[in-house]
N, C-alpha and C. Protein backbone atom coordinates (compact mmCIF):
# COMPACT_ATOMS: atom_id res chain seq x y z
N UNK A 1 0.79 -1.16 -0.04
CA UNK A 1 -0.03 -0.04 -0.02
C UNK A 1 0.96 1.28 0.05
N UNK A 2 0.47 2.26 -0.82
CA UNK A 2 1.23 3.50 -0.83
C UNK A 2 0.43 4.48 -0.07
N UNK A 3 0.81 4.67 1.34
CA UNK A 3 0.15 5.59 2.17
C UNK A 3 0.04 7.01 1.65
N UNK A 4 1.06 7.65 1.15
CA UNK A 4 0.78 9.08 0.70
C UNK A 4 -0.21 9.08 -0.54
N UNK A 5 -0.03 8.10 -1.35
CA UNK A 5 -1.00 8.06 -2.61
C UNK A 5 -2.47 7.78 -2.18
N UNK A 6 -2.60 6.95 -1.21
CA UNK A 6 -3.96 6.58 -0.60
C UNK A 6 -4.49 7.79 -0.05
N UNK A 7 -3.75 8.45 0.82
CA UNK A 7 -4.12 9.74 1.49
C UNK A 7 -4.46 10.71 0.47
N UNK A 8 -3.76 11.01 -0.52
CA UNK A 8 -4.07 12.03 -1.58
C UNK A 8 -5.40 11.59 -2.23
N UNK A 9 -5.67 10.44 -2.59
CA UNK A 9 -6.91 10.09 -3.16
C UNK A 9 -8.10 10.26 -2.32
N UNK A 10 -7.90 9.91 -1.05
CA UNK A 10 -9.12 10.10 -0.08
C UNK A 10 -9.33 11.65 0.11
N UNK A 11 -8.29 12.41 0.17
CA UNK A 11 -8.46 13.91 0.31
C UNK A 11 -9.30 14.46 -0.85
N UNK A 12 -9.05 13.96 -2.09
CA UNK A 12 -9.69 14.43 -3.34
C UNK A 12 -11.19 13.89 -3.11
N UNK A 13 -11.42 12.74 -2.73
CA UNK A 13 -12.81 12.25 -2.67
C UNK A 13 -13.57 12.95 -1.52
N UNK A 14 -12.86 13.17 -0.40
CA UNK A 14 -13.59 13.96 0.71
C UNK A 14 -13.84 15.40 0.30
N UNK A 15 -12.96 16.13 -0.41
CA UNK A 15 -13.21 17.46 -0.93
C UNK A 15 -14.36 17.49 -1.93
N UNK A 16 -14.68 16.49 -2.61
CA UNK A 16 -15.71 16.55 -3.63
C UNK A 16 -17.22 16.44 -2.92
N UNK A 17 -17.11 15.95 -1.72
CA UNK A 17 -18.50 15.80 -1.05
C UNK A 17 -19.29 14.65 -1.54
N UNK A 18 -20.55 14.74 -1.19
CA UNK A 18 -21.43 13.55 -1.50
C UNK A 18 -21.61 13.23 -3.00
N UNK A 19 -21.35 14.02 -3.86
CA UNK A 19 -21.53 13.77 -5.35
C UNK A 19 -20.28 12.87 -5.78
N UNK A 20 -19.18 13.04 -5.13
CA UNK A 20 -17.95 12.27 -5.50
C UNK A 20 -17.18 12.94 -6.48
N UNK A 21 -16.12 12.31 -6.79
CA UNK A 21 -15.20 12.79 -7.81
C UNK A 21 -14.90 11.77 -8.87
N UNK A 22 -14.86 12.28 -10.18
CA UNK A 22 -14.68 11.26 -11.20
C UNK A 22 -13.19 10.66 -11.08
N UNK A 23 -13.14 9.38 -11.29
CA UNK A 23 -11.92 8.73 -11.34
C UNK A 23 -10.82 9.30 -12.24
N UNK A 24 -11.17 9.69 -13.42
CA UNK A 24 -10.38 10.41 -14.37
C UNK A 24 -9.79 11.71 -13.78
N UNK A 25 -10.58 12.39 -13.09
CA UNK A 25 -10.17 13.66 -12.37
C UNK A 25 -9.17 13.48 -11.35
N UNK A 26 -9.38 12.27 -10.57
CA UNK A 26 -8.37 11.95 -9.56
C UNK A 26 -7.02 11.61 -10.16
N UNK A 27 -7.03 10.86 -11.19
CA UNK A 27 -5.79 10.44 -11.96
C UNK A 27 -5.08 11.74 -12.49
N UNK A 28 -5.88 12.65 -13.09
CA UNK A 28 -5.23 13.82 -13.67
C UNK A 28 -4.66 14.70 -12.63
N UNK A 29 -5.44 14.98 -11.47
CA UNK A 29 -4.92 15.81 -10.43
C UNK A 29 -3.54 15.23 -9.78
N UNK A 30 -3.60 13.88 -9.58
CA UNK A 30 -2.50 13.33 -8.87
C UNK A 30 -1.19 13.15 -9.85
N UNK A 31 -1.47 13.01 -11.27
CA UNK A 31 -0.44 13.09 -12.07
C UNK A 31 0.26 14.41 -12.09
N UNK A 32 -0.59 15.39 -11.98
CA UNK A 32 0.07 16.72 -11.95
C UNK A 32 0.95 17.01 -10.63
N UNK A 33 0.62 16.07 -9.63
CA UNK A 33 1.55 16.17 -8.27
C UNK A 33 2.67 15.25 -8.34
N UNK A 34 2.82 14.51 -9.52
CA UNK A 34 4.06 13.81 -9.75
C UNK A 34 3.82 12.22 -9.62
N UNK A 35 2.63 11.70 -9.44
CA UNK A 35 2.32 10.33 -9.44
C UNK A 35 2.22 9.82 -10.87
N UNK A 36 2.47 8.53 -11.07
CA UNK A 36 2.19 8.06 -12.51
C UNK A 36 0.79 7.58 -12.60
N UNK A 37 0.10 7.89 -13.79
CA UNK A 37 -1.35 7.56 -13.81
C UNK A 37 -1.65 5.98 -13.52
N UNK A 38 -0.79 5.17 -14.05
CA UNK A 38 -0.94 3.69 -13.75
C UNK A 38 -0.84 3.38 -12.16
N UNK A 39 -0.08 4.03 -11.53
CA UNK A 39 0.10 3.89 -10.13
C UNK A 39 -1.22 4.35 -9.41
N UNK A 40 -1.80 5.53 -9.88
CA UNK A 40 -3.01 6.09 -9.25
C UNK A 40 -4.09 5.20 -9.55
N UNK A 41 -4.24 4.63 -10.88
CA UNK A 41 -5.35 3.72 -11.17
C UNK A 41 -5.30 2.47 -10.25
N UNK A 42 -4.12 1.95 -10.21
CA UNK A 42 -4.03 0.69 -9.42
C UNK A 42 -4.33 0.94 -7.95
N UNK A 43 -3.96 2.01 -7.39
CA UNK A 43 -4.28 2.26 -6.09
C UNK A 43 -5.79 2.42 -5.88
N UNK A 44 -6.42 3.24 -6.81
CA UNK A 44 -7.92 3.39 -6.73
C UNK A 44 -8.54 1.98 -6.67
N UNK A 45 -8.17 1.02 -7.56
CA UNK A 45 -8.88 -0.16 -7.61
C UNK A 45 -8.57 -1.06 -6.29
N UNK A 46 -7.35 -0.90 -5.82
CA UNK A 46 -6.97 -1.62 -4.55
C UNK A 46 -7.84 -1.00 -3.38
N UNK A 47 -8.06 0.38 -3.44
CA UNK A 47 -8.85 0.99 -2.30
C UNK A 47 -10.32 0.59 -2.40
N UNK A 48 -10.80 0.50 -3.68
CA UNK A 48 -12.12 -0.16 -3.76
C UNK A 48 -12.37 -1.49 -3.13
N UNK A 49 -11.26 -2.37 -3.39
CA UNK A 49 -11.23 -3.63 -2.93
C UNK A 49 -11.16 -3.79 -1.51
N UNK A 50 -10.41 -2.81 -0.91
CA UNK A 50 -10.17 -2.74 0.54
C UNK A 50 -11.28 -2.02 1.29
N UNK A 51 -12.28 -1.59 0.57
CA UNK A 51 -13.37 -0.71 1.05
C UNK A 51 -12.98 0.48 1.72
N UNK A 52 -12.01 1.21 1.00
CA UNK A 52 -11.67 2.55 1.33
C UNK A 52 -12.27 3.62 0.55
N UNK A 53 -12.85 3.19 -0.65
CA UNK A 53 -13.49 3.97 -1.55
C UNK A 53 -14.86 3.34 -1.90
N UNK A 54 -15.88 4.05 -2.24
CA UNK A 54 -17.18 3.56 -2.78
C UNK A 54 -17.55 4.30 -4.05
N UNK A 55 -17.85 3.47 -5.13
CA UNK A 55 -18.49 4.17 -6.19
C UNK A 55 -19.82 4.73 -5.90
N UNK A 56 -20.09 5.97 -6.43
CA UNK A 56 -21.48 6.55 -6.00
C UNK A 56 -22.20 6.81 -7.28
N UNK A 57 -21.67 6.44 -8.33
CA UNK A 57 -22.45 6.69 -9.76
C UNK A 57 -21.37 6.82 -10.77
N UNK A 58 -21.76 7.43 -11.86
CA UNK A 58 -20.84 7.42 -12.90
C UNK A 58 -21.00 8.79 -13.74
N UNK A 59 -19.99 9.11 -14.55
CA UNK A 59 -20.25 10.26 -15.54
C UNK A 59 -19.96 9.63 -16.88
N UNK A 60 -20.56 10.22 -17.90
CA UNK A 60 -20.49 9.79 -19.31
C UNK A 60 -19.88 10.92 -20.02
N UNK A 61 -18.64 10.72 -20.60
CA UNK A 61 -18.08 11.76 -21.49
C UNK A 61 -18.18 11.30 -22.89
N UNK A 62 -18.41 12.17 -23.71
CA UNK A 62 -18.56 11.98 -25.10
C UNK A 62 -17.23 12.46 -25.86
N UNK A 63 -16.59 11.62 -26.57
CA UNK A 63 -15.40 12.12 -27.27
C UNK A 63 -15.65 12.12 -28.77
N UNK A 64 -15.51 13.23 -29.46
CA UNK A 64 -15.67 13.35 -30.83
C UNK A 64 -14.31 13.43 -31.53
N UNK A 65 -14.05 12.69 -32.58
CA UNK A 65 -12.96 12.74 -33.35
C UNK A 65 -13.17 13.01 -34.80
N UNK A 66 -12.38 13.98 -35.40
CA UNK A 66 -12.51 14.15 -36.87
C UNK A 66 -11.49 13.39 -37.56
N UNK A 67 -11.83 12.87 -38.57
CA UNK A 67 -10.95 12.00 -39.43
C UNK A 67 -11.33 12.10 -40.87
N UNK A 68 -10.60 11.40 -41.73
CA UNK A 68 -10.79 11.37 -43.18
C UNK A 68 -12.30 10.94 -43.39
N UNK A 69 -12.79 10.14 -42.66
CA UNK A 69 -13.98 9.49 -42.84
C UNK A 69 -15.18 10.23 -42.31
N UNK A 70 -14.87 11.36 -41.62
CA UNK A 70 -15.94 12.14 -40.96
C UNK A 70 -15.63 12.14 -39.51
N UNK A 71 -16.64 12.52 -38.71
CA UNK A 71 -16.49 12.55 -37.29
C UNK A 71 -17.08 11.48 -36.62
N UNK A 72 -16.29 10.88 -35.72
CA UNK A 72 -16.79 9.67 -35.00
C UNK A 72 -17.11 10.10 -33.59
N UNK A 73 -17.96 9.54 -32.91
CA UNK A 73 -18.33 9.76 -31.49
C UNK A 73 -18.25 8.62 -30.67
N UNK A 74 -17.61 8.51 -29.54
CA UNK A 74 -17.47 7.47 -28.55
C UNK A 74 -17.81 7.91 -27.12
N UNK A 75 -18.49 7.05 -26.41
CA UNK A 75 -18.83 7.47 -25.04
C UNK A 75 -17.83 6.66 -24.09
N UNK A 76 -17.47 7.41 -23.06
CA UNK A 76 -16.42 6.85 -22.09
C UNK A 76 -17.22 7.05 -20.71
N UNK A 77 -17.23 5.93 -19.95
CA UNK A 77 -17.83 6.13 -18.63
C UNK A 77 -16.78 5.97 -17.44
N UNK A 78 -16.97 6.82 -16.43
CA UNK A 78 -16.07 6.79 -15.28
C UNK A 78 -16.86 6.82 -14.04
N UNK A 79 -16.40 6.00 -13.15
CA UNK A 79 -16.96 5.96 -11.79
C UNK A 79 -16.72 7.37 -11.04
N UNK A 80 -17.72 7.63 -10.13
CA UNK A 80 -17.66 8.83 -9.24
C UNK A 80 -17.37 8.11 -7.97
N UNK A 81 -16.32 8.56 -7.27
CA UNK A 81 -15.93 8.09 -6.06
C UNK A 81 -16.05 8.88 -4.84
N UNK A 82 -16.33 8.31 -3.76
CA UNK A 82 -16.47 8.87 -2.46
C UNK A 82 -15.72 8.00 -1.42
N UNK A 83 -15.33 8.60 -0.29
CA UNK A 83 -14.70 7.70 0.73
C UNK A 83 -15.73 6.55 1.02
N UNK A 84 -15.20 5.35 1.56
CA UNK A 84 -16.14 4.27 1.79
C UNK A 84 -17.35 4.58 2.58
N UNK A 85 -18.38 4.15 2.23
CA UNK A 85 -19.66 4.17 2.88
C UNK A 85 -20.44 2.93 2.94
N UNK A 86 -20.79 2.49 4.20
CA UNK A 86 -21.47 1.26 4.38
C UNK A 86 -22.80 1.43 3.75
N UNK A 87 -23.45 2.52 3.74
CA UNK A 87 -24.73 2.69 3.11
C UNK A 87 -24.71 2.55 1.69
N UNK A 88 -23.71 3.07 1.02
CA UNK A 88 -23.61 2.89 -0.54
C UNK A 88 -22.94 1.66 -0.98
N UNK A 89 -22.22 0.88 0.03
CA UNK A 89 -21.43 -0.30 -0.42
C UNK A 89 -22.18 -1.31 -1.21
N UNK A 90 -23.40 -1.51 -1.02
CA UNK A 90 -24.16 -2.51 -1.68
C UNK A 90 -24.83 -2.13 -2.93
N UNK A 91 -24.63 -0.90 -3.39
CA UNK A 91 -25.24 -0.54 -4.69
C UNK A 91 -24.81 -1.17 -5.85
N UNK A 92 -23.51 -1.61 -5.88
CA UNK A 92 -22.86 -2.15 -7.01
C UNK A 92 -22.23 -3.55 -6.53
N UNK A 93 -22.46 -4.56 -7.40
CA UNK A 93 -21.88 -5.85 -7.15
C UNK A 93 -20.62 -5.92 -7.92
N UNK A 94 -19.54 -5.66 -7.16
CA UNK A 94 -18.17 -5.55 -7.78
C UNK A 94 -17.48 -6.94 -7.63
N UNK A 95 -18.17 -7.89 -7.12
CA UNK A 95 -17.42 -9.28 -7.14
C UNK A 95 -16.27 -9.18 -6.09
N UNK A 96 -16.37 -8.45 -5.12
CA UNK A 96 -15.28 -8.44 -4.18
C UNK A 96 -15.65 -9.26 -2.95
N UNK A 97 -14.52 -9.82 -2.38
CA UNK A 97 -14.79 -10.66 -1.17
C UNK A 97 -15.02 -9.86 0.03
N UNK A 98 -15.87 -10.19 0.94
CA UNK A 98 -16.00 -9.42 2.19
C UNK A 98 -14.92 -9.75 3.21
N UNK A 99 -14.33 -8.80 3.75
CA UNK A 99 -13.40 -8.96 4.90
C UNK A 99 -14.00 -8.62 6.24
N UNK A 100 -13.79 -9.57 7.27
CA UNK A 100 -14.55 -9.39 8.51
C UNK A 100 -13.97 -8.15 9.25
């Protein structure tokens, strides 16, 4: 576990309040602080597994690309994250084992 990284992720989630913070926004903010994107992504998934974060919904971003064949449009979905919440824990079945 990377304690400074976990703490930085939790601080961003707490600052966002009950609506949560988009996973991509966390990665972008912490990359600007010197963490590698892959390291942040792995830590977020480990924190979800350890019940340190709870997904509270998602955002949908639409990406439009212009190319020779015209414009293509793709949707990308991201979890919104909050610090772990027992009340929200059961909303998604993430296939994670329960720890006593």
